[in-house]
Amino acid sequence: MTDRPQSSARRERLEAALRANLKRRKAQARGRAEDAGGPESHDSAGIVADKPDHSA
């Protein structure tokens, strides 16, 4: 790698892009957390319906 200093404009542009990316990822995580709060369990493989109920 090189040890040349970055230009201030490039550095500011990268910092802004990183901040925007972080905000977007946090918003996505909040959205997923709200969706996951429901009482339903996730069963994309269809395994739960095949298992017998041994709760009695």
Foldseek 3Di string as FASTA:
>chain_A
DDPDDDDPVVVVVVVVVVVVVVVVVVVVVVVVVVVVPDPDDDDPPPVVVVDDDPPD
